[in-house]
Protein backbone atom coordinates (compact mmCIF):
# COMPACT_ATOMS: atom_id res chain seq x y z
CA MET A 1 120.21 115.79 113.30
CA LYS A 2 118.38 112.72 111.74
CA THR A 3 120.15 110.39 109.34
CA TYR A 4 118.25 108.88 106.51
CA THR A 5 119.31 105.45 105.17
CA THR A 6 116.57 104.42 102.56
CA LEU A 7 115.39 105.98 99.45
CA ILE A 8 112.30 105.12 97.26
CA ALA A 9 112.61 106.65 93.78
CA THR A 10 109.67 106.33 91.39
CA VAL A 11 110.58 105.59 87.67
CA GLY A 12 109.35 106.91 84.42
CA ALA A 13 110.35 106.59 80.86
CA SER A 14 112.66 109.56 80.32
CA LEU A 15 115.85 107.56 80.06
CA ALA A 16 114.17 105.16 77.52
CA GLY A 17 113.31 108.32 75.30
CA ASN A 18 116.80 109.71 75.74
CA ILE A 19 118.38 106.49 74.67
CA SER A 20 116.16 106.10 71.67
CA LYS A 21 117.89 109.16 70.21
CA LEU A 22 121.45 107.52 70.75
CA PRO A 23 122.04 105.10 67.60
CA ASP A 24 124.93 103.38 69.39
CA PHE A 25 122.75 102.29 72.43
CA ASN A 26 119.17 102.33 71.18
CA GLU A 27 119.40 98.69 69.92
CA ASP A 28 120.96 97.44 73.25
CA PHE A 29 118.05 98.96 75.01
CA THR A 30 115.63 97.33 72.74
CA LYS A 31 117.24 94.03 73.30
CA GLY A 32 117.56 94.53 77.07
CA VAL A 33 121.41 94.58 76.97
CA VAL A 34 122.15 97.24 79.72
CA GLU A 35 125.84 96.75 80.35
CA PRO A 36 127.07 98.95 77.51
CA ILE A 37 124.61 101.64 78.63
CA VAL A 38 125.71 101.49 82.30
CA GLN A 39 129.40 101.54 81.37
CA GLN A 40 128.85 104.62 79.32
CA MET A 41 127.05 106.08 82.44
CA LEU A 42 130.07 105.12 85.00
CA SER A 43 132.52 106.64 82.60
CA ARG A 44 130.91 110.06 82.71
CA SER A 45 131.05 110.20 79.00
CA TRP A 46 127.47 111.82 78.84
CA GLY A 47 128.65 114.32 81.43
CA ASP A 48 127.71 114.98 84.83
CA PRO A 49 124.73 112.70 86.14
CA GLU A 50 123.16 115.42 88.15
CA THR A 51 122.80 117.75 85.38
CA ALA A 52 123.25 115.93 82.09
CA THR A 53 119.57 115.28 80.86
CA VAL A 54 120.68 112.34 78.91
CA TYR A 55 120.68 110.32 82.11
CA GLY A 56 117.09 110.75 82.58
CA SER A 57 115.15 112.57 85.56
CA GLU A 58 115.63 109.53 87.80
CA ILE A 59 119.25 109.73 88.00
CA ASN A 60 119.45 113.58 87.69
CA SER A 61 117.06 113.96 90.62
CA THR A 62 118.71 110.96 92.81
CA VAL A 63 122.16 112.22 92.29
CA SER A 64 120.91 115.95 93.43
CA LEU A 65 119.25 114.44 96.31
CA ILE A 66 122.37 112.62 97.57
CA LYS A 67 124.70 115.62 97.09
CA HIS A 68 122.36 118.17 98.48
CA PHE A 69 120.40 116.33 101.19
CA ASP A 70 121.99 118.07 104.14
CA LYS A 71 120.82 121.55 102.54
CA LEU A 72 117.35 120.54 102.10
CA ASP A 73 116.46 121.11 105.84
CA ALA A 74 115.96 117.22 106.08
CA GLY A 75 119.12 115.94 107.95
CA THR A 76 121.89 113.81 106.59
CA PHE A 77 121.60 110.86 104.32
CA ASP A 78 123.63 107.67 104.23
CA PRO A 79 123.15 105.58 101.18
CA ILE A 80 122.26 101.93 102.34
CA ASN A 81 118.91 101.04 100.67
CA LEU A 82 117.50 102.20 97.32
CA TYR A 83 114.13 101.13 95.91
CA PHE A 84 113.15 101.82 92.33
CA PHE A 85 109.42 101.54 91.59
CA VAL A 86 109.01 100.72 87.94
CA SER A 87 105.91 100.39 85.92
CA ASP A 88 104.34 97.10 84.75
CA THR A 89 105.78 97.35 81.31
CA PRO A 90 108.91 96.08 79.56
CA VAL A 91 110.29 99.42 79.30
CA GLY A 92 109.95 99.84 82.96
CA GLU A 93 111.78 96.60 83.76
CA LYS A 94 114.79 97.59 81.40
CA ILE A 95 115.24 101.13 82.81
CA GLY A 96 114.99 99.43 86.33
CA SER A 97 117.88 97.08 85.40
CA ILE A 98 119.90 99.99 84.18
CA LEU A 99 119.34 102.04 87.24
CA LYS A 100 119.88 99.10 89.74
CA THR A 101 123.28 98.37 87.94
CA PHE A 102 124.24 101.94 87.85
CA PHE A 103 123.58 102.60 91.50
CA GLU A 104 125.38 99.57 92.53
CA LYS A 105 128.58 100.06 90.66
CA ASP A 106 129.07 103.62 90.65
CA SER A 107 131.88 104.58 93.03
CA GLU A 108 130.72 107.82 94.15
CA LEU A 109 127.02 107.04 94.31
CA ARG A 110 126.92 103.61 95.48
CA PHE A 111 124.06 102.09 97.61
CA ARG A 112 124.75 98.90 99.32
CA ASN A 113 121.29 97.28 98.59
CA VAL A 114 119.44 98.37 95.46
CA GLN A 115 116.09 96.71 94.60
CA VAL A 116 113.67 97.14 91.63
CA VAL A 117 109.97 96.85 92.56
CA LYS A 118 107.70 96.31 89.68
CA ILE A 119 104.30 97.86 90.52
CA ALA A 120 101.58 95.36 89.31
CA LYS A 121 99.15 96.93 86.92
CA LEU A 122 100.84 100.26 86.78
CA SER A 123 100.82 100.85 83.05
CA ASP A 124 99.40 103.27 80.68
CA THR A 125 98.30 100.65 78.23
CA ASP A 126 95.16 99.74 80.52
CA GLU A 127 93.54 103.00 81.87
CA TYR A 128 91.04 100.96 83.72
CA ALA A 129 93.60 98.67 85.66
CA PHE A 130 95.85 101.65 86.06
CA GLY A 131 93.23 103.55 88.14
CA LYS A 132 91.42 100.56 89.73
CA GLU A 133 94.55 98.45 90.71
CA GLY A 134 97.72 100.22 89.78
CA LEU A 135 97.77 103.17 92.03
CA ARG A 136 96.37 101.11 94.91
CA ASN A 137 99.38 98.83 94.53
CA LEU A 138 101.60 101.62 94.39
CA VAL A 139 100.37 102.84 97.61
CA ARG A 140 100.86 99.30 99.04
CA GLU A 141 104.35 99.03 98.15
CA PHE A 142 105.23 102.63 99.47
CA ALA A 143 103.76 101.38 102.93
CA ASP A 144 105.56 98.16 102.94
CA VAL A 145 108.93 99.82 102.52
CA ALA A 146 108.08 102.52 104.75
CA ARG A 147 107.29 99.90 107.58
CA LYS A 148 110.59 98.10 106.96
CA HIS A 149 112.44 101.32 107.21
CA ARG A 150 110.04 103.28 109.43
CA TYR A 151 112.65 105.80 110.86
CA GLY A 152 115.03 106.42 107.98
CA LEU A 153 113.09 106.69 104.76
CA ALA A 154 112.78 109.50 102.18
CA VAL A 155 110.98 109.41 98.80
CA ASN A 156 112.00 111.03 95.52
CA ALA A 157 108.76 111.13 93.64
CA THR A 158 110.52 113.04 90.48
CA GLY A 159 109.99 110.25 88.10
CA GLY A 160 106.80 108.28 86.64
CA TYR A 161 103.14 109.25 86.47
CA LYS A 162 102.23 112.64 87.84
CA ALA A 163 99.53 110.97 90.07
CA GLN A 164 102.40 109.45 92.18
CA ILE A 165 103.55 112.64 93.69
CA ALA A 166 100.15 113.11 95.06
CA PHE A 167 99.73 109.66 96.81
CA ALA A 168 103.47 109.98 97.85
CA LEU A 169 102.84 113.31 99.53
CA ALA A 170 99.53 112.04 101.25
CA LEU A 171 101.15 108.82 102.60
CA GLY A 172 104.38 110.67 103.67
CA GLN A 173 102.72 113.33 105.54
CA ALA A 174 100.76 110.36 107.42
CA MET A 175 103.65 107.96 107.89
CA LYS A 176 106.24 110.70 108.72
CA PHE A 177 108.73 110.48 105.66
CA PRO A 178 109.82 113.39 103.65
CA VAL A 179 109.03 113.57 99.89
CA PHE A 180 111.18 115.24 97.24
CA TYR A 181 110.66 116.33 93.76
CA ARG A 182 112.82 117.97 91.08
CA PHE A 183 110.94 120.41 88.71
CA GLU A 184 112.33 120.47 85.08
CA ARG A 185 113.36 124.18 85.44
CA PHE A 186 114.98 123.75 88.74
CA ASP A 187 118.77 123.26 89.45
CA HIS A 188 118.41 121.06 92.33
CA ILE A 189 115.74 118.77 93.78
CA ILE A 190 113.35 120.26 96.56
CA LYS A 191 111.68 119.10 99.69
CA MET A 192 107.77 119.19 98.95
CA PRO A 193 105.77 121.04 101.70
CA PRO A 194 103.10 119.04 103.47
CA LEU A 195 99.55 118.97 102.18
CA PRO A 196 97.36 121.38 103.81
CA VAL A 197 94.87 118.57 105.05
CA ALA A 198 94.85 116.18 107.97
CA LEU A 199 93.12 112.64 107.79
CA ASP A 200 90.48 111.65 110.39
CA TRP A 201 91.62 108.28 111.95
CA GLN A 202 88.43 107.90 113.76
CA ILE A 203 86.75 107.01 110.54
CA TYR A 204 89.06 104.07 110.40
CA LEU A 205 88.42 102.86 113.93
CA LYS A 206 84.68 103.02 113.38
CA HIS A 207 84.41 101.65 109.73
CA HIS A 208 87.58 99.34 109.47
CA ALA A 209 85.66 96.26 108.84
CA LEU A 210 84.03 97.54 105.81
CA LEU A 211 87.24 99.36 104.57
CA ASP A 212 89.49 96.18 105.01
CA THR A 213 86.77 93.97 103.15
CA LEU A 214 86.91 96.50 100.26
CA GLU A 215 90.55 96.33 100.20
CA GLU A 216 90.53 92.56 99.77
CA SER A 217 87.26 92.13 97.76
CA THR A 218 87.18 91.98 94.00
CA ALA A 219 83.36 91.90 93.64
CA PHE A 220 81.72 93.62 96.60
CA SER A 221 77.96 94.06 95.84
CA GLU A 222 76.11 97.24 97.13
CA LYS A 223 72.81 95.33 97.06
CA THR A 224 73.86 92.06 98.92
CA ASP A 225 76.91 92.83 100.74
CA LEU A 226 76.81 96.41 101.90
CA PRO A 227 73.86 95.83 104.25
CA THR A 228 75.96 93.51 106.47
CA TYR A 229 77.83 96.31 107.37
CA GLY A 230 74.96 98.57 108.62
CA PHE A 231 74.41 100.48 105.39
CA ARG A 232 71.18 99.73 103.16
CA ASN A 233 72.74 101.41 99.94
CA TYR A 234 75.60 103.68 99.02
CA ALA A 235 73.46 106.83 99.67
CA ALA A 236 73.45 105.77 103.29
CA ILE A 237 77.46 105.80 103.70
CA PRO A 238 78.57 108.96 105.42
CA GLU A 239 80.13 111.45 103.12
CA GLU A 240 83.54 111.34 104.90
CA LEU A 241 83.51 107.50 104.34
CA LYS A 242 82.56 107.85 100.62
CA THR A 243 85.70 109.89 99.92
CA PHE A 244 87.62 106.35 100.24
CA ILE A 245 85.22 104.20 98.22
CA GLU A 246 84.63 103.71 94.55
CA ARG A 247 81.03 102.82 92.92
CA GLU A 248 80.71 101.06 89.60
CA LYS A 249 77.81 99.77 87.65
CA ILE A 250 78.20 96.38 85.98
CA ASP A 251 75.56 94.58 84.40
CA ALA A 252 72.76 96.69 86.00
CA GLU A 253 74.40 96.21 89.52
CA HIS A 254 76.41 98.50 91.53
CA TYR A 255 79.77 97.31 93.02
CA LEU A 256 81.96 98.99 95.60
CA GLY A 257 85.71 99.18 96.03
CA LEU A 258 88.38 100.86 97.71
CA SER A 259 89.79 103.89 95.86
CA PRO A 260 93.43 104.69 95.57
CA MET A 261 93.20 107.46 98.27
CA GLY A 262 91.52 105.00 100.23
CA GLN A 263 94.14 102.78 100.09
CA VAL A 264 96.47 105.64 101.17
CA TYR A 265 94.06 106.32 104.19
CA ILE A 266 93.97 102.86 105.43
CA GLU A 267 97.65 102.26 105.11
CA SER A 268 98.20 105.54 107.10
CA ALA A 269 95.64 104.77 109.66
CA ARG A 270 97.31 101.32 110.32
CA GLU A 271 100.78 102.86 110.57
CA LEU A 272 99.40 105.41 113.12
CA LEU A 273 97.82 102.64 115.16
CA THR A 274 100.95 100.61 115.20
CA VAL A 275 103.27 103.30 116.20
CA GLU A 276 101.29 105.42 118.51
CA THR A 277 99.20 102.84 120.36
CA PRO A 278 100.99 101.25 123.18
CA LEU A 279 100.21 97.50 124.02
CA LEU A 280 100.26 96.00 127.39
CA GLU A 281 102.74 93.09 127.89
CA SER A 282 101.48 89.82 128.73
CA ILE A 283 102.36 88.57 132.21
CA LYS A 284 102.71 84.98 130.89
CA ALA A 285 106.08 83.60 129.79
CA PRO A 286 106.16 82.50 126.06
CA GLU A 287 105.95 78.94 126.79
CA ASP A 288 102.87 79.25 128.93
CA LYS A 289 101.00 80.88 126.03
CA PRO A 290 100.26 77.84 123.52
CA LYS A 291 97.23 75.75 123.89
CA TYR A 292 96.82 72.71 121.41
CA ILE A 293 93.33 71.84 120.39
CA GLN A 294 94.01 69.73 117.51
CA ASP A 295 97.12 67.68 118.47
CA GLU A 296 97.36 65.11 115.59
CA SER A 297 101.10 64.53 114.74
CA HIS A 298 100.94 66.12 111.26
CA ALA A 299 99.39 69.30 112.77
CA LEU A 300 102.27 69.57 115.32
CA LYS A 301 105.05 68.58 112.89
CA PHE A 302 103.82 71.36 110.53
CA ALA A 303 103.75 73.92 113.26
CA LYS A 304 107.08 72.89 114.76
CA LYS A 305 108.69 72.92 111.37
CA HIS A 306 107.87 76.66 111.00
CA ALA A 307 108.09 77.46 114.82
CA LEU A 308 104.68 78.98 114.60
CA TYR A 309 103.69 78.45 118.34
CA GLU A 310 107.17 80.00 119.19
CA LYS A 311 106.97 82.85 116.81
CA ILE A 312 103.44 83.96 117.85
CA SER A 313 104.07 83.46 121.61
CA ALA A 314 107.27 85.56 121.47
CA LEU A 315 105.12 88.78 120.58
CA SER A 316 104.59 90.49 124.10
CA PHE A 317 101.07 91.51 123.57
CA VAL A 318 100.00 87.77 122.70
CA ASP A 319 98.31 86.46 125.99
CA LYS A 320 97.27 83.09 124.60
CA VAL A 321 97.59 81.13 121.10
CA VAL A 322 95.30 78.24 120.20
CA GLY A 323 95.87 76.13 117.33
CA PHE A 324 92.55 74.67 116.24
CA GLN A 325 92.58 73.56 112.68
CA PHE A 326 95.14 72.14 110.32
CA SER A 327 94.68 70.93 106.57
CA PRO A 328 97.42 68.99 104.67
CA ASN A 329 96.30 70.76 101.57
CA PHE A 330 98.19 73.74 100.27
CA GLU A 331 95.35 76.43 100.62
CA LEU A 332 97.57 79.48 101.31
CA SER A 333 100.96 80.75 100.57
CA GLY A 334 101.96 82.98 103.49
CA PHE A 335 99.47 84.20 106.07
CA LYS A 336 96.26 85.74 106.57
CA ALA A 337 95.11 87.82 109.80
CA ARG A 338 91.70 89.08 110.57
CA PHE A 339 89.36 89.63 113.33
CA GLN A 340 86.84 86.83 114.77
CA GLY A 341 84.90 88.69 117.34
CA ASP A 342 87.41 90.30 119.63
CA GLU A 343 90.22 87.76 118.81
CA ILE A 344 92.43 87.26 115.74
CA LEU A 345 92.11 84.49 113.47
CA PHE A 346 95.63 83.72 112.10
CA GLU A 347 96.09 81.45 109.18
CA TYR A 348 99.40 80.18 107.94
CA GLY A 349 100.24 78.24 104.81
CA ASN A 350 102.77 76.54 103.03
CA LYS A 351 103.50 73.62 100.83
CA GLY A 352 103.02 71.19 103.73
CA GLY A 353 99.50 72.40 104.54
CA THR A 354 97.53 75.29 106.15
CA HIS A 355 97.24 75.94 109.97
CA ARG A 356 94.74 77.96 111.51
CA PHE A 357 95.11 79.79 115.07
CA LYS A 358 93.11 81.94 117.50
CA ILE A 359 95.21 84.43 119.16
CA TYR A 360 94.08 86.28 122.18
CA THR A 361 95.87 89.54 122.82
CA THR A 362 96.24 92.00 125.88
CA ALA A 363 94.08 94.58 124.08
CA ARG A 364 91.36 96.25 126.11
CA ASN A 365 89.54 98.32 123.35
CA SER A 366 88.96 98.61 119.72
CA ARG A 367 92.12 100.68 119.02
CA GLU A 368 94.43 98.44 120.63
CA ARG A 369 92.82 95.34 119.01
CA LEU A 370 93.61 97.08 115.67
CA ALA A 371 97.05 97.82 116.78
CA ALA A 372 97.64 94.30 117.84
CA LEU A 373 96.47 92.92 114.51
CA GLU A 374 98.71 95.32 112.65
CA SER A 375 101.65 94.38 114.97
CA LEU A 376 101.07 90.70 114.25
CA LYS A 377 100.95 91.24 110.48
CA GLU A 378 104.12 93.23 110.63
CA ALA A 379 105.80 90.47 112.71
CA ALA A 380 104.61 87.82 110.24
CA GLN A 381 106.03 89.37 107.24
CA GLU A 382 109.24 88.16 108.40
CA TRP A 383 108.46 84.59 109.04
């Protein structure tokens, strides 16, 4: 029987509404003072946290999940990691603080690691940003946690905006994690059935360059940018691809972007590629893979400080890594990785500068090249 160790719980504002009706605690909540509220919860003065609605839907449903997980045809649950996804609002932050403290301190319901993740632009105060950026950021955060805890993740999508359940279900089906929901009239939380659809991964294999660009771009012009990807205009894009693209008219010109469901699709496709595409191991030893084109002392000093050649060369599917450009300027914080021909252009930046590498892999076809790129990006998250 499978054991799950990690839970994502989406968070709404039900707890805030409940506290607003309690004169003894409403002022504390308004000021962001959470300790008296948490102590009241821990003492069980409000009743059973699974059934007493004053605790809010997030606590009610999460407690129900913990207590009844083994009866939900899902396996067993070991409460190690808990991620609360909160809205990009002051109320969301306050509720997140209460939930985090409660599940860190409660002796019966304690998780070892509790984190609050604020979803940028996920706020009903800006309808445009909510649909354009907030939902996509939500999907990104889902995917990031799913990759960190690939084989032990479950999602409680009870709290928060109703749109979240659809995206959680779609991503869960693709990335193989169960999604749970507690309806108001139900005594316990339930496991949601899978969506009656399947996504065609071949679309990503064929059009990844366009989809990846749309994900990163903030101003992708239909007139000037789209033709470089083989389509003279929006009408020429295949219908199955249009499903993942948004079209918007600004000052008489049309711009394209990735839709929230498009974000679900590419995250799911990347996961499939990473998990289900075996990559050949290089026959070279790690120390034989690096090649230095730019050997100035400051470039090598930067690379050595961050062990970049060693980290890249340690990846089994990497056949050769070439450091070819260094700038002492702070151009990038973290990393970027993209294709340059059949090779991967990898950029790593820190306060000491920015170093660029060309990485050659053992990949033999487009699917393996995409899998290698995603595996590199996943590894670099920890660097």
